Structure formats: C-alpha cells, structure tokens
PDB file of N, CA and C in Angstrom:
ATOM      1  N   ASP A   1       0.821  -1.193   0.000  1.00  0.00           N
ATOM      2  CA  ASP A   1       0.000   0.000   0.000  1.00  0.00           C
ATOM      3  C   ASP A   1       0.865   1.257   0.000  1.00  0.00           C
ATOM      4  N   VAL A   2       0.440   2.228  -0.747  1.00  0.00           N
ATOM      5  CA  VAL A   2       1.071   3.548  -0.747  1.00  0.00           C
ATOM      6  C   VAL A   2      -0.030   4.548  -0.395  1.00  0.00           C
ATOM      7  N   PRO A   3      -0.084   4.989   0.866  1.00  0.00           N
ATOM      8  CA  PRO A   3      -1.151   5.902   1.279  1.00  0.00           C
ATOM      9  C   PRO A   3      -0.950   7.323   0.763  1.00  0.00           C
ATOM     10  N   GLN A   4      -2.024   8.090   0.771  1.00  0.00           N
ATOM     11  CA  GLN A   4      -1.989   9.468   0.288  1.00  0.00           C
ATOM     12  C   GLN A   4      -0.971  10.311   1.047  1.00  0.00           C
ATOM     13  N   ALA A   5      -0.828  10.091   2.350  1.00  0.00           N
ATOM     14  CA  ALA A   5       0.144  10.866   3.137  1.00  0.00           C
ATOM     15  C   ALA A   5       1.566  10.641   2.630  1.00  0.00           C
ATOM     16  N   THR A   6       1.868   9.425   2.223  1.00  0.00           N
ATOM     17  CA  THR A   6       3.192   9.116   1.668  1.00  0.00           C
ATOM     18  C   THR A   6       3.372   9.815   0.327  1.00  0.00           C
ATOM     19  N   VAL A   7       2.357   9.762  -0.505  1.00  0.00           N
ATOM     20  CA  VAL A   7       2.404  10.436  -1.808  1.00  0.00           C
ATOM     21  C   VAL A   7       2.652  11.928  -1.621  1.00  0.00           C
ATOM     22  N   GLN A   8       1.943  12.548  -0.694  1.00  0.00           N
ATOM     23  CA  GLN A   8       2.118  13.981  -0.444  1.00  0.00           C
ATOM     24  C   GLN A   8       3.529  14.290   0.034  1.00  0.00           C
ATOM     25  N   ALA A   9       4.050  13.471   0.942  1.00  0.00           N
ATOM     26  CA  ALA A   9       5.410  13.697   1.455  1.00  0.00           C
ATOM     27  C   ALA A   9       6.442  13.566   0.341  1.00  0.00           C
ATOM     28  N   ILE A  10       6.284  12.573  -0.510  1.00  0.00           N
ATOM     29  CA  ILE A  10       7.221  12.368  -1.618  1.00  0.00           C
ATOM     30  C   ILE A  10       7.124  13.518  -2.618  1.00  0.00           C
ATOM     31  N   ASN A  11       5.912  13.890  -2.985  1.00  0.00           N
ATOM     32  CA  ASN A  11       5.745  14.988  -3.944  1.00  0.00           C
ATOM     33  C   ASN A  11       6.315  16.294  -3.404  1.00  0.00           C
ATOM     34  N   GLN A  12       6.127  16.562  -2.120  1.00  0.00           N
ATOM     35  CA  GLN A  12       6.681  17.770  -1.508  1.00  0.00           C
ATOM     36  C   GLN A  12       8.207  17.710  -1.495  1.00  0.00           C
ATOM     37  N   THR A  13       8.744  16.547  -1.171  1.00  0.00           N
ATOM     38  CA  THR A  13      10.200  16.366  -1.168  1.00  0.00           C
ATOM     39  C   THR A  13      10.774  16.636  -2.550  1.00  0.00           C
ATOM     40  N   LYS A  14      10.162  16.054  -3.568  1.00  0.00           N
ATOM     41  CA  LYS A  14      10.629  16.254  -4.949  1.00  0.00           C
ATOM     42  C   LYS A  14      10.494  17.723  -5.363  1.00  0.00           C
ATOM     43  N   ALA A  15       9.384  18.351  -4.999  1.00  0.00           N
ATOM     44  CA  ALA A  15       9.161  19.757  -5.353  1.00  0.00           C
ATOM     45  C   ALA A  15      10.201  20.667  -4.712  1.00  0.00           C
ATOM     46  N   ASN A  16      10.700  20.270  -3.554  1.00  0.00           N
ATOM     47  CA  ASN A  16      11.722  21.048  -2.848  1.00  0.00           C
ATOM     48  C   ASN A  16      13.142  20.663  -3.257  1.00  0.00           C
ATOM     49  N   GLY A  17      13.269  19.820  -4.277  1.00  0.00           N
ATOM     50  CA  GLY A  17      14.589  19.425  -4.759  1.00  0.00           C
ATOM     51  C   GLY A  17      15.216  18.283  -3.987  1.00  0.00           C
ATOM     52  N   GLY A  18      14.441  17.644  -3.127  1.00  0.00           N
ATOM     53  CA  GLY A  18      14.964  16.531  -2.334  1.00  0.00           C
ATOM     54  C   GLY A  18      14.937  15.217  -3.090  1.00  0.00           C
ATOM     55  N   ARG A  19      15.515  14.220  -2.462  1.00  0.00           N
ATOM     56  CA  ARG A  19      15.574  12.889  -3.064  1.00  0.00           C
ATOM     57  C   ARG A  19      14.724  11.911  -2.260  1.00  0.00           C
ATOM     58  N   VAL A  20      14.243  10.890  -2.934  1.00  0.00           N
ATOM     59  CA  VAL A  20      13.487   9.822  -2.294  1.00  0.00           C
ATOM     60  C   VAL A  20      14.425   8.637  -2.134  1.00  0.00           C
ATOM     61  N   ILE A  21      14.668   8.278  -0.882  1.00  0.00           N
ATOM     62  CA  ILE A  21      15.565   7.172  -0.560  1.00  0.00           C
ATOM     63  C   ILE A  21      14.721   6.054   0.034  1.00  0.00           C
ATOM     64  N   ALA A  22      14.633   4.953  -0.675  1.00  0.00           N
ATOM     65  CA  ALA A  22      13.831   3.813  -0.231  1.00  0.00           C
ATOM     66  C   ALA A  22      14.647   2.940   0.723  1.00  0.00           C
ATOM     67  N   ILE A  23      13.950   2.309   1.641  1.00  0.00           N
ATOM     68  CA  ILE A  23      14.566   1.340   2.541  1.00  0.00           C
ATOM     69  C   ILE A  23      14.024  -0.023   2.138  1.00  0.00           C
ATOM     70  N   GLY A  24      14.826  -0.765   1.405  1.00  0.00           N
ATOM     71  CA  GLY A  24      14.439  -2.099   0.972  1.00  0.00           C
ATOM     72  C   GLY A  24      13.755  -2.128  -0.384  1.00  0.00           C
ATOM     73  N   THR A  25      13.891  -3.269  -1.027  1.00  0.00           N
ATOM     74  CA  THR A  25      13.356  -3.431  -2.375  1.00  0.00           C
ATOM     75  C   THR A  25      11.836  -3.516  -2.397  1.00  0.00           C
ATOM     76  N   THR A  26      11.218  -3.943  -1.304  1.00  0.00           N
ATOM     77  CA  THR A  26       9.756  -4.000  -1.270  1.00  0.00           C
ATOM     78  C   THR A  26       9.164  -2.606  -1.381  1.00  0.00           C
ATOM     79  N   SER A  27       9.741  -1.647  -0.668  1.00  0.00           N
ATOM     80  CA  SER A  27       9.233  -0.275  -0.768  1.00  0.00           C
ATOM     81  C   SER A  27       9.503   0.305  -2.154  1.00  0.00           C
ATOM     82  N   VAL A  28      10.616  -0.071  -2.766  1.00  0.00           N
ATOM     83  CA  VAL A  28      10.900   0.365  -4.140  1.00  0.00           C
ATOM     84  C   VAL A  28       9.802  -0.123  -5.076  1.00  0.00           C
ATOM     85  N   ARG A  29       9.498  -1.399  -4.989  1.00  0.00           N
ATOM     86  CA  ARG A  29       8.500  -1.981  -5.886  1.00  0.00           C
ATOM     87  C   ARG A  29       7.120  -1.371  -5.657  1.00  0.00           C
ATOM     88  N   ALA A  30       6.779  -1.105  -4.396  1.00  0.00           N
ATOM     89  CA  ALA A  30       5.476  -0.495  -4.103  1.00  0.00           C
ATOM     90  C   ALA A  30       5.390   0.919  -4.670  1.00  0.00           C
ATOM     91  N   LEU A  31       6.410   1.727  -4.420  1.00  0.00           N
ATOM     92  CA  LEU A  31       6.381   3.118  -4.889  1.00  0.00           C
ATOM     93  C   LEU A  31       6.420   3.207  -6.411  1.00  0.00           C
ATOM     94  N   GLU A  32       7.285   2.429  -7.026  1.00  0.00           N
ATOM     95  CA  GLU A  32       7.362   2.459  -8.488  1.00  0.00           C
ATOM     96  C   GLU A  32       6.074   1.926  -9.114  1.00  0.00           C
ATOM     97  N   SER A  33       5.453   0.941  -8.483  1.00  0.00           N
ATOM     98  CA  SER A  33       4.170   0.425  -8.978  1.00  0.00           C
ATOM     99  C   SER A  33       3.084   1.480  -8.881  1.00  0.00           C
ATOM    100  N   ALA A  34       3.074   2.224  -7.767  1.00  0.00           N
ATOM    101  CA  ALA A  34       2.068   3.273  -7.579  1.00  0.00           C
ATOM    102  C   ALA A  34       2.144   4.313  -8.691  1.00  0.00           C
ATOM    103  N   ALA A  35       3.327   4.549  -9.199  1.00  0.00           N
ATOM    104  CA  ALA A  35       3.479   5.472 -10.331  1.00  0.00           C
ATOM    105  C   ALA A  35       3.190   4.770 -11.658  1.00  0.00           C
ATOM    106  N   LEU A  36       3.733   3.582 -11.827  1.00  0.00           N
ATOM    107  CA  LEU A  36       3.567   2.852 -13.085  1.00  0.00           C
ATOM    108  C   LEU A  36       2.096   2.617 -13.414  1.00  0.00           C
ATOM    109  N   TYR A  37       1.327   2.206 -12.425  1.00  0.00           N
ATOM    110  CA  TYR A  37      -0.085   1.898 -12.653  1.00  0.00           C
ATOM    111  C   TYR A  37      -0.960   3.151 -12.711  1.00  0.00           C
ATOM    112  N   ASN A  38      -0.350   4.317 -12.603  1.00  0.00           N
ATOM    113  CA  ASN A  38      -1.072   5.593 -12.703  1.00  0.00           C
ATOM    114  C   ASN A  38      -0.433   6.486 -13.761  1.00  0.00           C
ATOM    115  N   ASN A  39      -0.047   5.878 -14.875  1.00  0.00           N
ATOM    116  CA  ASN A  39       0.513   6.607 -16.021  1.00  0.00           C
ATOM    117  C   ASN A  39       1.719   7.459 -15.668  1.00  0.00           C
ATOM    118  N   GLY A  40       2.567   6.948 -14.777  1.00  0.00           N
ATOM    119  CA  GLY A  40       3.801   7.640 -14.430  1.00  0.00           C
ATOM    120  C   GLY A  40       3.665   8.665 -13.324  1.00  0.00           C
ATOM    121  N   GLN A  41       2.451   8.904 -12.866  1.00  0.00           N
ATOM    122  CA  GLN A  41       2.208   9.870 -11.790  1.00  0.00           C
ATOM    123  C   GLN A  41       2.049   9.121 -10.469  1.00  0.00           C
ATOM    124  N   LEU A  42       2.805   9.524  -9.459  1.00  0.00           N
ATOM    125  CA  LEU A  42       2.687   8.888  -8.152  1.00  0.00           C
ATOM    126  C   LEU A  42       1.348   9.259  -7.526  1.00  0.00           C
ATOM    127  N   LYS A  43       0.549   8.231  -7.240  1.00  0.00           N
ATOM    128  CA  LYS A  43      -0.750   8.418  -6.597  1.00  0.00           C
ATOM    129  C   LYS A  43      -0.924   7.333  -5.544  1.00  0.00           C
ATOM    130  N   ALA A  44      -1.824   7.581  -4.595  1.00  0.00           N
ATOM    131  CA  ALA A  44      -2.129   6.560  -3.592  1.00  0.00           C
ATOM    132  C   ALA A  44      -2.529   5.280  -4.327  1.00  0.00           C
ATOM    133  N   TRP A  45      -2.082   4.158  -3.810  1.00  0.00           N
ATOM    134  CA  TRP A  45      -2.296   2.900  -4.527  1.00  0.00           C
ATOM    135  C   TRP A  45      -2.277   1.743  -3.549  1.00  0.00           C
ATOM    136  N   SER A  46      -3.081   0.737  -3.830  1.00  0.00           N
ATOM    137  CA  SER A  46      -3.106  -0.490  -3.040  1.00  0.00           C
ATOM    138  C   SER A  46      -3.361  -1.644  -3.990  1.00  0.00           C
ATOM    139  N   GLY A  47      -2.631  -2.712  -3.828  1.00  0.00           N
ATOM    140  CA  GLY A  47      -2.856  -3.867  -4.684  1.00  0.00           C
ATOM    141  C   GLY A  47      -1.606  -4.694  -4.845  1.00  0.00           C
ATOM    142  N   GLU A  48      -1.726  -5.695  -5.669  1.00  0.00           N
ATOM    143  CA  GLU A  48      -0.587  -6.545  -5.995  1.00  0.00           C
ATOM    144  C   GLU A  48       0.116  -5.960  -7.211  1.00  0.00           C
ATOM    145  N   THR A  49       1.391  -6.297  -7.333  1.00  0.00           N
ATOM    146  CA  THR A  49       2.150  -5.794  -8.476  1.00  0.00           C
ATOM    147  C   THR A  49       2.890  -6.927  -9.163  1.00  0.00           C
ATOM    148  N   GLU A  50       3.064  -6.763 -10.427  1.00  0.00           N
ATOM    149  CA  GLU A  50       3.889  -7.676 -11.212  1.00  0.00           C
ATOM    150  C   GLU A  50       5.080  -6.929 -11.792  1.00  0.00           C
ATOM    151  N   ILE A  51       5.397  -5.780 -11.223  1.00  0.00           N
ATOM    152  CA  ILE A  51       6.495  -4.967 -11.739  1.00  0.00           C
ATOM    153  C   ILE A  51       7.804  -5.754 -11.690  1.00  0.00           C
ATOM    154  N   PHE A  52       8.549  -5.687 -12.764  1.00  0.00           N
ATOM    155  CA  PHE A  52       9.856  -6.333 -12.861  1.00  0.00           C
ATOM    156  C   PHE A  52      10.841  -5.240 -13.243  1.00  0.00           C
ATOM    157  N   ILE A  53      11.701  -4.890 -12.303  1.00  0.00           N
ATOM    158  CA  ILE A  53      12.646  -3.794 -12.515  1.00  0.00           C
ATOM    159  C   ILE A  53      14.001  -4.380 -12.873  1.00  0.00           C
ATOM    160  N   TYR A  54      14.508  -4.006 -14.012  1.00  0.00           N
ATOM    161  CA  TYR A  54      15.774  -4.533 -14.526  1.00  0.00           C
ATOM    162  C   TYR A  54      16.524  -3.389 -15.205  1.00  0.00           C
ATOM    163  N   PRO A  55      17.813  -3.588 -15.507  1.00  0.00           N
ATOM    164  CA  PRO A  55      18.580  -2.520 -16.161  1.00  0.00           C
ATOM    165  C   PRO A  55      17.840  -1.979 -17.388  1.00  0.00           C
ATOM    166  N   SER A  56      17.840  -0.695 -17.518  1.00  0.00           N
ATOM    167  CA  SER A  56      17.172   0.136 -18.529  1.00  0.00           C
ATOM    168  C   SER A  56      15.796   0.602 -18.055  1.00  0.00           C
ATOM    169  N   TYR A  57      15.374   0.176 -16.869  1.00  0.00           N
ATOM    170  CA  TYR A  57      14.107   0.652 -16.300  1.00  0.00           C
ATOM    171  C   TYR A  57      14.178   2.167 -16.114  1.00  0.00           C
ATOM    172  N   GLU A  58      13.105   2.860 -16.439  1.00  0.00           N
ATOM    173  CA  GLU A  58      13.040   4.314 -16.264  1.00  0.00           C
ATOM    174  C   GLU A  58      12.377   4.623 -14.923  1.00  0.00           C
ATOM    175  N   TRP A  59      13.190   5.095 -13.984  1.00  0.00           N
ATOM    176  CA  TRP A  59      12.727   5.358 -12.620  1.00  0.00           C
ATOM    177  C   TRP A  59      11.759   6.525 -12.590  1.00  0.00           C
ATOM    178  N   LYS A  60      10.698   6.361 -11.814  1.00  0.00           N
ATOM    179  CA  LYS A  60       9.679   7.387 -11.691  1.00  0.00           C
ATOM    180  C   LYS A  60       9.685   8.049 -10.316  1.00  0.00           C
ATOM    181  N   VAL A  61      10.111   7.335  -9.280  1.00  0.00           N
ATOM    182  CA  VAL A  61       9.998   7.841  -7.913  1.00  0.00           C
ATOM    183  C   VAL A  61      11.328   7.802  -7.170  1.00  0.00           C
ATOM    184  N   ILE A  62      11.991   6.684  -7.190  1.00  0.00           N
ATOM    185  CA  ILE A  62      13.142   6.418  -6.326  1.00  0.00           C
ATOM    186  C   ILE A  62      14.419   7.072  -6.857  1.00  0.00           C
ATOM    187  N   ASP A  63      15.198   7.650  -5.939  1.00  0.00           N
ATOM    188  CA  ASP A  63      16.499   8.227  -6.282  1.00  0.00           C
ATOM    189  C   ASP A  63      17.657   7.429  -5.697  1.00  0.00           C
ATOM    190  N   ALA A  64      17.409   6.719  -4.606  1.00  0.00           N
ATOM    191  CA  ALA A  64      18.458   5.945  -3.945  1.00  0.00           C
ATOM    192  C   ALA A  64      17.800   4.867  -3.092  1.00  0.00           C
ATOM    193  N   LEU A  65      18.630   3.940  -2.609  1.00  0.00           N
ATOM    194  CA  LEU A  65      18.103   2.766  -1.919  1.00  0.00           C
ATOM    195  C   LEU A  65      19.095   2.243  -0.896  1.00  0.00           C
ATOM    196  N   PHE A  66      18.598   1.919   0.287  1.00  0.00           N
ATOM    197  CA  PHE A  66      19.335   1.096   1.244  1.00  0.00           C
ATOM    198  C   PHE A  66      18.814  -0.318   1.070  1.00  0.00           C
ATOM    199  N   THR A  67      19.707  -1.273   0.868  1.00  0.00           N
ATOM    200  CA  THR A  67      19.287  -2.655   0.691  1.00  0.00           C
ATOM    201  C   THR A  67      20.408  -3.586   1.109  1.00  0.00           C
ATOM    202  N   ASN A  68      20.064  -4.850   1.287  1.00  0.00           N
ATOM    203  CA  ASN A  68      21.098  -5.818   1.633  1.00  0.00           C
ATOM    204  C   ASN A  68      21.791  -6.310   0.359  1.00  0.00           C
ATOM    205  N   PHE A  69      22.764  -7.156   0.532  1.00  0.00           N
ATOM    206  CA  PHE A  69      23.458  -7.763  -0.605  1.00  0.00           C
ATOM    207  C   PHE A  69      22.645  -8.984  -1.033  1.00  0.00           C
ATOM    208  N   HIS A  70      22.041  -8.893  -2.203  1.00  0.00           N
ATOM    209  CA  HIS A  70      21.150  -9.944  -2.677  1.00  0.00           C
ATOM    210  C   HIS A  70      21.931 -11.091  -3.305  1.00  0.00           C
ATOM    211  N   LEU A  71      21.261 -12.217  -3.406  1.00  0.00           N
ATOM    212  CA  LEU A  71      21.896 -13.402  -3.966  1.00  0.00           C
ATOM    213  C   LEU A  71      22.203 -13.206  -5.449  1.00  0.00           C
ATOM    214  N   PRO A  72      23.308 -13.795  -5.909  1.00  0.00           N
ATOM    215  CA  PRO A  72      23.662 -13.704  -7.332  1.00  0.00           C
ATOM    216  C   PRO A  72      22.528 -14.247  -8.210  1.00  0.00           C
ATOM    217  N   GLU A  73      22.378 -13.658  -9.363  1.00  0.00           N
ATOM    218  CA  GLU A  73      21.405 -14.074 -10.371  1.00  0.00           C
ATOM    219  C   GLU A  73      19.955 -13.928  -9.915  1.00  0.00           C
ATOM    220  N   SER A  74      19.702 -13.103  -8.906  1.00  0.00           N
ATOM    221  CA  SER A  74      18.333 -12.900  -8.429  1.00  0.00           C
ATOM    222  C   SER A  74      17.707 -11.681  -9.109  1.00  0.00           C
ATOM    223  N   THR A  75      16.389 -11.645  -9.122  1.00  0.00           N
ATOM    224  CA  THR A  75      15.699 -10.493  -9.692  1.00  0.00           C
ATOM    225  C   THR A  75      15.934  -9.243  -8.844  1.00  0.00           C
ATOM    226  N   LEU A  76      16.149  -9.415  -7.545  1.00  0.00           N
ATOM    227  CA  LEU A  76      16.420  -8.249  -6.699  1.00  0.00           C
ATOM    228  C   LEU A  76      17.790  -7.659  -7.004  1.00  0.00           C
ATOM    229  N   LEU A  77      18.745  -8.498  -7.346  1.00  0.00           N
ATOM    230  CA  LEU A  77      20.050  -7.986  -7.766  1.00  0.00           C
ATOM    231  C   LEU A  77      19.895  -7.204  -9.070  1.00  0.00           C
ATOM    232  N   MET A  78      19.028  -7.665  -9.951  1.00  0.00           N
ATOM    233  CA  MET A  78      18.765  -6.931 -11.189  1.00  0.00           C
ATOM    234  C   MET A  78      18.173  -5.558 -10.883  1.00  0.00           C
ATOM    235  N   LEU A  79      17.286  -5.492  -9.889  1.00  0.00           N
ATOM    236  CA  LEU A  79      16.693  -4.213  -9.490  1.00  0.00           C
ATOM    237  C   LEU A  79      17.776  -3.250  -9.029  1.00  0.00           C
ATOM    238  N   VAL A  80      18.688  -3.731  -8.199  1.00  0.00           N
ATOM    239  CA  VAL A  80      19.776  -2.881  -7.699  1.00  0.00           C
ATOM    240  C   VAL A  80      20.656  -2.420  -8.858  1.00  0.00           C
ATOM    241  N   CYS A  81      20.950  -3.323  -9.793  1.00  0.00           N
ATOM    242  CA  CYS A  81      21.749  -2.958 -10.970  1.00  0.00           C
ATOM    243  C   CYS A  81      21.015  -1.930 -11.831  1.00  0.00           C
ATOM    244  N   ALA A  82      19.696  -2.019 -11.891  1.00  0.00           N
ATOM    245  CA  ALA A  82      18.917  -1.039 -12.650  1.00  0.00           C
ATOM    246  C   ALA A  82      19.065   0.353 -12.058  1.00  0.00           C
ATOM    247  N   LEU A  83      19.214   0.427 -10.756  1.00  0.00           N
ATOM    248  CA  LEU A  83      19.332   1.724 -10.096  1.00  0.00           C
ATOM    249  C   LEU A  83      20.748   2.270 -10.178  1.00  0.00           C
ATOM    250  N   ALA A  84      21.723   1.450  -9.842  1.00  0.00           N
ATOM    251  CA  ALA A  84      23.098   1.943  -9.682  1.00  0.00           C
ATOM    252  C   ALA A  84      24.018   1.618 -10.848  1.00  0.00           C
ATOM    253  N   GLY A  85      23.602   0.743 -11.728  1.00  0.00           N
ATOM    254  CA  GLY A  85      24.466   0.313 -12.825  1.00  0.00           C
ATOM    255  C   GLY A  85      25.196  -0.967 -12.461  1.00  0.00           C
ATOM    256  N   LYS A  86      25.262  -1.872 -13.411  1.00  0.00           N
ATOM    257  CA  LYS A  86      25.848  -3.189 -13.153  1.00  0.00           C
ATOM    258  C   LYS A  86      27.306  -3.099 -12.708  1.00  0.00           C
ATOM    259  N   GLU A  87      28.100  -2.266 -13.364  1.00  0.00           N
ATOM    260  CA  GLU A  87      29.526  -2.184 -13.019  1.00  0.00           C
ATOM    261  C   GLU A  87      29.723  -1.715 -11.582  1.00  0.00           C
ATOM    262  N   ARG A  88      28.984  -0.697 -11.167  1.00  0.00           N
ATOM    263  CA  ARG A  88      29.111  -0.192  -9.793  1.00  0.00           C
ATOM    264  C   ARG A  88      28.665  -1.234  -8.776  1.00  0.00           C
ATOM    265  N   VAL A  89      27.579  -1.921  -9.071  1.00  0.00           N
ATOM    266  CA  VAL A  89      27.074  -2.933  -8.138  1.00  0.00           C
ATOM    267  C   VAL A  89      28.047  -4.102  -8.050  1.00  0.00           C
ATOM    268  N   MET A  90      28.582  -4.551  -9.173  1.00  0.00           N
ATOM    269  CA  MET A  90      29.530  -5.666  -9.140  1.00  0.00           C
ATOM    270  C   MET A  90      30.812  -5.278  -8.403  1.00  0.00           C
ATOM    271  N   ALA A  91      31.238  -4.033  -8.532  1.00  0.00           N
ATOM    272  CA  ALA A  91      32.404  -3.563  -7.773  1.00  0.00           C
ATOM    273  C   ALA A  91      32.108  -3.601  -6.277  1.00  0.00           C
ATOM    274  N   ALA A  92      30.907  -3.199  -5.896  1.00  0.00           N
ATOM    275  CA  ALA A  92      30.513  -3.254  -4.482  1.00  0.00           C
ATOM    276  C   ALA A  92      30.464  -4.696  -3.994  1.00  0.00           C
ATOM    277  N   TYR A  93      29.976  -5.600  -4.816  1.00  0.00           N
ATOM    278  CA  TYR A  93      29.913  -7.012  -4.443  1.00  0.00           C
ATOM    279  C   TYR A  93      31.312  -7.600  -4.298  1.00  0.00           C
ATOM    280  N   ASN A  94      32.222  -7.243  -5.192  1.00  0.00           N
ATOM    281  CA  ASN A  94      33.604  -7.722  -5.072  1.00  0.00           C
ATOM    282  C   ASN A  94      34.227  -7.239  -3.773  1.00  0.00           C
ATOM    283  N   GLU A  95      33.965  -5.996  -3.423  1.00  0.00           N
ATOM    284  CA  GLU A  95      34.448  -5.437  -2.153  1.00  0.00           C
ATOM    285  C   GLU A  95      33.822  -6.184  -0.973  1.00  0.00           C
ATOM    286  N   ALA A  96      32.551  -6.474  -1.067  1.00  0.00           N
ATOM    287  CA  ALA A  96      31.852  -7.193   0.004  1.00  0.00           C
ATOM    288  C   ALA A  96      32.433  -8.591   0.202  1.00  0.00           C
ATOM    289  N   VAL A  97      32.709  -9.283  -0.882  1.00  0.00           N
ATOM    290  CA  VAL A  97      33.300 -10.622  -0.783  1.00  0.00           C
ATOM    291  C   VAL A  97      34.699 -10.533  -0.188  1.00  0.00           C
ATOM    292  N   ALA A  98      35.487  -9.572  -0.644  1.00  0.00           N
ATOM    293  CA  ALA A  98      36.861  -9.416  -0.149  1.00  0.00           C
ATOM    294  C   ALA A  98      36.896  -9.136   1.350  1.00  0.00           C
ATOM    295  N   HIS A  99      35.875  -8.452   1.860  1.00  0.00           N
ATOM    296  CA  HIS A  99      35.847  -8.104   3.284  1.00  0.00           C
ATOM    297  C   HIS A  99      34.879  -8.974   4.089  1.00  0.00           C
ATOM    298  N   GLN A 100      34.439 -10.061   3.482  1.00  0.00           N
ATOM    299  CA  GLN A 100      33.582 -11.059   4.134  1.00  0.00           C
ATOM    300  C   GLN A 100      32.281 -10.468   4.682  1.00  0.00           C
ATOM    301  N   TYR A 101      31.663  -9.593   3.894  1.00  0.00           N
ATOM    302  CA  TYR A 101      30.341  -9.093   4.273  1.00  0.00           C
ATOM    303  C   TYR A 101      29.349 -10.247   4.193  1.00  0.00           C
ATOM    304  N   ARG A 102      28.277 -10.110   4.919  1.00  0.00           N
ATOM    305  CA  ARG A 102      27.241 -11.140   4.895  1.00  0.00           C
ATOM    306  C   ARG A 102      26.190 -10.768   3.855  1.00  0.00           C
ATOM    307  N   PHE A 103      25.696 -11.770   3.181  1.00  0.00           N
ATOM    308  CA  PHE A 103      24.720 -11.576   2.116  1.00  0.00           C
ATOM    309  C   PHE A 103      23.335 -12.019   2.573  1.00  0.00           C
ATOM    310  N   PHE A 104      22.354 -11.659   1.815  1.00  0.00           N
ATOM    311  CA  PHE A 104      20.956 -12.039   1.906  1.00  0.00           C
ATOM    312  C   PHE A 104      20.242 -11.330   3.053  1.00  0.00           C
ATOM    313  N   SER A 105      19.140 -11.823   3.479  1.00  0.00           N
ATOM    314  CA  SER A 105      18.210 -11.086   4.336  1.00  0.00           C
ATOM    315  C   SER A 105      18.765 -10.620   5.674  1.00  0.00           C
ATOM    316  N   TYR A 106      19.655 -11.357   6.276  1.00  0.00           N
ATOM    317  CA  TYR A 106      20.170 -10.970   7.589  1.00  0.00           C
ATOM    318  C   TYR A 106      21.628 -10.554   7.511  1.00  0.00           C
ATOM    319  N   GLY A 107      22.022 -10.082   6.358  1.00  0.00           N
ATOM    320  CA  GLY A 107      23.410  -9.706   6.148  1.00  0.00           C
ATOM    321  C   GLY A 107      23.636  -8.212   6.240  1.00  0.00           C
ATOM    322  N   ASP A 108      24.726  -7.795   5.642  1.00  0.00           N
ATOM    323  CA  ASP A 108      25.098  -6.384   5.635  1.00  0.00           C
ATOM    324  C   ASP A 108      24.271  -5.628   4.592  1.00  0.00           C
ATOM    325  N   ALA A 109      24.289  -4.321   4.702  1.00  0.00           N
ATOM    326  CA  ALA A 109      23.505  -3.482   3.794  1.00  0.00           C
ATOM    327  C   ALA A 109      24.417  -2.552   3.008  1.00  0.00           C
ATOM    328  N   MET A 110      23.858  -1.980   1.947  1.00  0.00           N
ATOM    329  CA  MET A 110      24.591  -1.002   1.150  1.00  0.00           C
ATOM    330  C   MET A 110      23.633   0.116   0.748  1.00  0.00           C
ATOM    331  N   PHE A 111      24.225   1.250   0.419  1.00  0.00           N
ATOM    332  CA  PHE A 111      23.478   2.408  -0.071  1.00  0.00           C
ATOM    333  C   PHE A 111      23.828   2.575  -1.532  1.00  0.00           C
ATOM    334  N   VAL A 112      22.824   2.588  -2.394  1.00  0.00           N
ATOM    335  CA  VAL A 112      23.064   2.764  -3.824  1.00  0.00           C
ATOM    336  C   VAL A 112      22.228   3.935  -4.335  1.00  0.00           C
ATOM    337  N   GLU A 113      22.817   4.672  -5.279  1.00  0.00           N
ATOM    338  CA  GLU A 113      22.154   5.835  -5.856  1.00  0.00           C
ATOM    339  C   GLU A 113      21.912   5.622  -7.340  1.00  0.00           C
ATOM    340  N   ASN A 114      20.913   6.292  -7.846  1.00  0.00           N
ATOM    341  CA  ASN A 114      20.624   6.248  -9.267  1.00  0.00           C
ATOM    342  C   ASN A 114      21.800   6.850 -10.029  1.00  0.00           C
ATOM    343  N   ASN A 115      22.282   6.134 -11.037  1.00  0.00           N
ATOM    344  CA  ASN A 115      23.453   6.623 -11.778  1.00  0.00           C
ATOM    345  C   ASN A 115      23.079   7.472 -12.908  1.00  0.00           C
TER     346      ASN A 115
END
C-alpha cells in the first residue's frame, strides 16, 4: 500500500529538490508500482504488483536505496543494478566478498544511488 500521506510527502520532497531514498526493495516496488499503474504519476495505490525492474528501467519515484546484498542471479540484484548500474554494483559485491560481508536477508547493507 502507498497511502496518500506518503504520496504527499514524496511529492513535496521532490518539489523542494529533495531525493526519495527507499529502505528495501519491497518499498521500491510499491512506490514504483504506484506510479507505473497511474501513467507515471505517483498516486495513492493499493494492490498486488507484477512490476519487474531490470537494467534500462526508467525510474519514476526512487532516487536511492538502502538494501542488503542480494543473492547472485536474483531479480532483486537486477533491481539494484537497474538503479546503480551493473559495473558499480559488481564492484561493491567484489568489495563485500573481499571483506567477508554477509549476504541475503540478515546480512550487511549497502546504499546505492541512481546513476
């Protein structure tokens, strides 16, 4: 669900030149769906989504994301690559492996920005 209060806060943030930073891929999918299913305009929305975010996706709401290190070859990793670019994400993953970061749901997190 994306309530009207959230839509208003996001629209005000964008109007003031601010950025929308999502916490987790679920919130990304909800917010982007709320815009996608409303002709690109962010509006209050409730429902299921079949949105598939992959490289070349045109972002409508999100500017950055806090997320964990997702499993290789997962659709969530594709979402992160769509936001930050595959090369940047793979460099972050190489760094994570080199420093023994933990992956998946209870692992370490990263901050990625739209490239």
